Amino acid sequence: MSHESPCIKWTGLIDRDGYGRDQIDGMSYRVHRLAFEKKLGRKLLPNEWVLHSCSARSCFNPDHLRLNVRMVLTNEHAAYQSWRAMRKRCQCADHKDYPGYGGRGISICKEWEDFWTFARDMGPRPKGTSIDRIDNNGNYEPGNCRWATPFEQARNTRSSRMITHDGKTLCAADWARHFGVDATAIHYRIKRYGLENALKGLSK
């Protein structure tokens, strides 16, 4: 990766992992972390850490450093599962849900190939939610995705997706009540099969 400015390598103490270290008030810190905190204008939070975009671990040029954010463990795990499932739906042609996602052109933005960028943009995943695309025909990208409960997803369906079946037009939530199924099931079928085929095969 090229940079406009060269590496600034620490010439003092280097730890066993190759990072420069310095002492402040008797405490030892990694130099690249201190340099980034100075650039940031504040101390790093416990769930934040600094990564190099260059290959020199002893470099402390702020232009070669970037912030990464680690979510708390419980939310991190939930968000990671959503991220993996999202990638499988869009990128694995042998996945059962691929036809309704990658198979119809739904893709993931380049930035979200990195889990931590996805986690930073989406924020912690609240309990009882899943990732929802606001525009069903849009891609997985910032601005088109949110964490939503099944009820919120049904409301999104209600406001933008009316389904005509057997000569009757209802919103997804009402069709769910009609067939005696959860609204999440209708929402899933819309995403997988599209509006025209979402209700095919269902019966009361």
Protein backbone atom coordinates (compact mmCIF):
# COMPACT_ATOMS: atom_id res chain seq x y z
CA MET A 1 0.00 0.00 0.00
CA SER A 2 1.45 3.38 -0.98
CA HIS A 3 1.48 6.45 1.26
CA GLU A 4 2.08 10.12 0.60
CA SER A 5 4.51 10.24 3.53
CA PRO A 6 7.19 7.67 4.48
CA CYS A 7 7.26 5.52 7.60
CA ILE A 8 8.58 7.12 10.76
CA LYS A 9 10.25 4.25 12.60
CA TRP A 10 10.79 4.25 16.36
CA THR A 11 14.50 4.01 17.26
CA GLY A 12 14.00 3.38 20.97
CA LEU A 13 12.81 0.25 22.75
CA ILE A 14 11.13 -2.36 20.51
CA ASP A 15 9.00 -5.05 22.13
CA ARG A 16 9.02 -8.73 21.15
CA ASP A 17 6.14 -8.17 18.73
CA GLY A 18 8.08 -5.48 16.84
CA TYR A 19 6.24 -2.42 18.18
CA GLY A 20 8.02 0.63 19.57
CA ARG A 21 7.45 1.36 23.26
CA ASP A 22 7.90 4.43 25.44
CA GLN A 23 7.29 5.18 29.10
CA ILE A 24 5.02 7.88 30.53
CA ASP A 25 4.81 8.30 34.31
CA GLY A 26 6.37 4.87 34.77
CA MET A 27 3.88 3.12 32.48
CA SER A 28 4.96 1.50 29.20
CA TYR A 29 2.88 2.21 26.07
CA ARG A 30 3.15 1.33 22.42
CA VAL A 31 4.37 4.39 20.55
CA HIS A 32 2.02 4.09 17.58
CA ARG A 33 -0.91 4.13 20.02
CA LEU A 34 0.37 7.31 21.67
CA ALA A 35 0.90 8.95 18.28
CA PHE A 36 -2.63 8.13 17.19
CA GLU A 37 -4.14 9.39 20.45
CA LYS A 38 -2.34 12.69 19.89
CA LYS A 39 -3.80 12.90 16.40
CA LEU A 40 -7.24 11.91 17.68
CA GLY A 41 -7.11 14.44 20.52
CA ARG A 42 -8.27 11.99 23.16
CA LYS A 43 -7.43 8.71 24.86
CA LEU A 44 -8.54 5.51 23.17
CA LEU A 45 -11.54 3.77 24.66
CA PRO A 46 -11.16 0.21 26.04
CA ASN A 47 -12.79 -1.28 22.93
CA GLU A 48 -10.65 0.71 20.47
CA TRP A 49 -7.23 -0.12 19.11
CA VAL A 50 -4.90 1.13 16.39
CA LEU A 51 -3.84 -0.78 13.28
CA HIS A 52 -1.04 -0.10 10.82
CA SER A 53 -1.83 0.34 7.14
CA CYS A 54 1.89 -0.04 6.39
CA SER A 55 3.98 -3.15 7.05
CA ALA A 56 6.38 -1.61 9.62
CA ARG A 57 5.17 -2.28 13.15
CA SER A 58 7.73 0.18 14.54
CA CYS A 59 6.23 2.98 12.42
CA PHE A 60 4.39 5.71 14.32
CA ASN A 61 3.51 8.00 11.43
CA PRO A 62 -0.14 8.95 12.18
CA ASP A 63 -0.92 8.87 8.45
CA HIS A 64 -0.12 5.16 8.46
CA LEU A 65 -2.46 4.35 11.36
CA ARG A 66 -6.19 3.70 11.51
CA LEU A 67 -8.71 3.19 14.26
CA ASN A 68 -10.56 -0.06 14.75
CA VAL A 69 -13.42 -0.63 17.16
CA ARG A 70 -14.17 -3.90 18.94
CA MET A 71 -17.75 -4.37 20.04
CA VAL A 72 -18.61 -5.92 23.37
CA LEU A 73 -18.40 -9.70 23.17
CA THR A 74 -22.09 -10.60 23.20
CA ASN A 75 -22.98 -8.11 20.47
CA GLU A 76 -19.78 -8.85 18.57
CA HIS A 77 -20.74 -12.50 18.31
CA ALA A 78 -24.29 -11.73 17.13
CA ALA A 79 -23.11 -9.19 14.55
CA TYR A 80 -20.46 -11.59 13.28
CA GLN A 81 -23.04 -14.30 12.68
CA SER A 82 -25.14 -11.82 10.67
CA TRP A 83 -22.08 -10.75 8.69
CA ARG A 84 -21.17 -14.35 7.83
CA ALA A 85 -24.75 -15.18 6.83
CA MET A 86 -24.94 -12.04 4.68
CA ARG A 87 -21.78 -13.04 2.80
CA LYS A 88 -22.99 -16.60 2.25
CA ARG A 89 -26.32 -15.42 0.83
CA CYS A 90 -24.61 -13.09 -1.60
CA GLN A 91 -21.39 -14.89 -2.51
CA CYS A 92 -21.87 -18.66 -2.21
CA ALA A 93 -23.70 -19.98 -5.26
CA ASP A 94 -24.41 -23.28 -3.52
CA HIS A 95 -26.11 -21.63 -0.53
CA LYS A 96 -29.85 -22.28 -0.30
CA ASP A 97 -30.66 -18.54 -0.17
CA TYR A 98 -28.31 -17.47 -2.97
CA PRO A 99 -31.05 -17.31 -5.67
CA GLY A 100 -32.86 -14.55 -3.75
CA TYR A 101 -29.71 -12.55 -3.02
CA GLY A 102 -26.47 -12.94 -4.98
CA GLY A 103 -28.40 -14.75 -7.69
CA ARG A 104 -30.50 -11.68 -8.40
CA GLY A 105 -27.65 -9.21 -8.17
CA ILE A 106 -27.65 -8.25 -4.49
CA SER A 107 -24.06 -7.54 -3.48
CA ILE A 108 -22.02 -6.36 -0.49
CA CYS A 109 -20.06 -3.13 -0.64
CA LYS A 110 -16.28 -3.51 -0.74
CA GLU A 111 -15.82 -1.92 2.69
CA TRP A 112 -18.02 -4.54 4.36
CA GLU A 113 -15.75 -7.36 3.26
CA ASP A 114 -13.96 -6.44 6.48
CA PHE A 115 -16.03 -7.49 9.51
CA TRP A 116 -14.83 -4.68 11.78
CA THR A 117 -15.79 -2.03 9.23
CA PHE A 118 -19.22 -3.64 8.99
CA ALA A 119 -19.48 -3.70 12.80
CA ARG A 120 -18.40 -0.07 13.09
CA ASP A 121 -20.95 1.09 10.50
CA MET A 122 -23.85 -1.01 11.80
CA GLY A 123 -23.15 -0.65 15.51
CA PRO A 124 -24.00 -3.32 18.11
CA ARG A 125 -26.72 -5.75 17.13
CA PRO A 126 -29.60 -5.44 19.61
CA LYS A 127 -31.11 -8.66 20.92
CA GLY A 128 -33.99 -9.93 18.81
CA THR A 129 -32.95 -8.14 15.61
CA SER A 130 -31.46 -9.11 12.29
CA ILE A 131 -29.96 -7.15 9.42
CA ASP A 132 -32.58 -5.58 7.17
CA ARG A 133 -32.16 -3.86 3.82
CA ILE A 134 -34.38 -0.79 3.68
CA ASP A 135 -34.58 -1.03 -0.11
CA ASN A 136 -35.20 -4.68 -0.87
CA ASN A 137 -33.61 -4.27 -4.29
CA GLY A 138 -30.59 -2.42 -2.92
CA ASN A 139 -27.25 -3.82 -1.80
CA TYR A 140 -25.77 -4.42 1.63
CA GLU A 141 -24.11 -1.07 2.26
CA PRO A 142 -24.17 1.85 4.71
CA GLY A 143 -27.39 3.82 4.42
CA ASN A 144 -29.43 0.85 3.21
CA CYS A 145 -29.08 -1.47 6.20
CA ARG A 146 -30.24 -1.45 9.80
CA TRP A 147 -30.82 -3.79 12.71
CA ALA A 148 -34.56 -4.42 12.84
CA THR A 149 -36.98 -6.58 14.80
CA PRO A 150 -39.45 -8.79 12.94
CA PHE A 151 -42.16 -6.24 13.77
CA GLU A 152 -40.09 -3.37 12.37
CA GLN A 153 -39.36 -5.39 9.26
CA ALA A 154 -43.09 -6.08 8.89
CA ARG A 155 -43.78 -2.35 9.25
CA ASN A 156 -41.21 -1.65 6.56
CA THR A 157 -42.98 -4.19 4.40
CA ARG A 158 -46.35 -2.60 5.22
CA SER A 159 -45.21 0.86 4.14
CA SER A 160 -43.54 -0.11 0.86
CA ARG A 161 -44.57 -3.57 -0.33
CA MET A 162 -48.13 -4.48 -1.16
CA ILE A 163 -48.74 -7.98 -2.46
CA THR A 164 -51.53 -9.00 -4.81
CA HIS A 165 -52.61 -12.64 -4.55
CA ASP A 166 -55.80 -14.27 -5.83
CA GLY A 167 -57.14 -10.86 -6.79
CA LYS A 168 -56.65 -9.35 -3.33
CA THR A 169 -54.00 -6.76 -2.40
CA LEU A 170 -52.75 -6.63 1.19
CA CYS A 171 -49.57 -5.67 2.98
CA ALA A 172 -47.21 -8.44 4.08
CA ALA A 173 -48.29 -8.26 7.72
CA ASP A 174 -51.95 -8.73 6.76
CA TRP A 175 -51.09 -11.67 4.51
CA ALA A 176 -49.23 -13.21 7.43
CA ARG A 177 -52.39 -13.01 9.56
CA HIS A 178 -54.44 -14.36 6.65
CA PHE A 179 -52.27 -17.47 6.33
CA GLY A 180 -51.65 -17.84 10.06
CA VAL A 181 -47.88 -17.48 9.80
CA ASP A 182 -45.36 -15.16 11.39
CA ALA A 183 -44.75 -11.88 9.55
CA THR A 184 -41.07 -12.78 9.49
CA ALA A 185 -41.88 -15.72 7.21
CA ILE A 186 -43.60 -13.45 4.68
CA HIS A 187 -40.74 -10.96 4.88
CA TYR A 188 -38.26 -13.77 4.25
CA ARG A 189 -40.24 -15.09 1.27
CA ILE A 190 -40.38 -11.59 -0.27
CA LYS A 191 -36.62 -11.31 -0.02
CA ARG A 192 -36.02 -14.80 -1.39
CA TYR A 193 -38.67 -15.10 -4.10
CA GLY A 194 -39.70 -11.50 -4.83
CA LEU A 195 -43.13 -9.89 -4.45
CA GLU A 196 -44.84 -11.79 -7.27
CA ASN A 197 -43.96 -15.24 -5.95
CA ALA A 198 -43.81 -14.62 -2.19
CA LEU A 199 -47.20 -16.20 -1.44
CA LYS A 200 -47.09 -19.12 -3.85
CA GLY A 201 -47.45 -22.44 -2.07
CA LEU A 202 -49.00 -20.97 1.09
CA SER A 203 -52.45 -22.06 2.22
CA LYS A 204 -54.70 -21.26 5.18
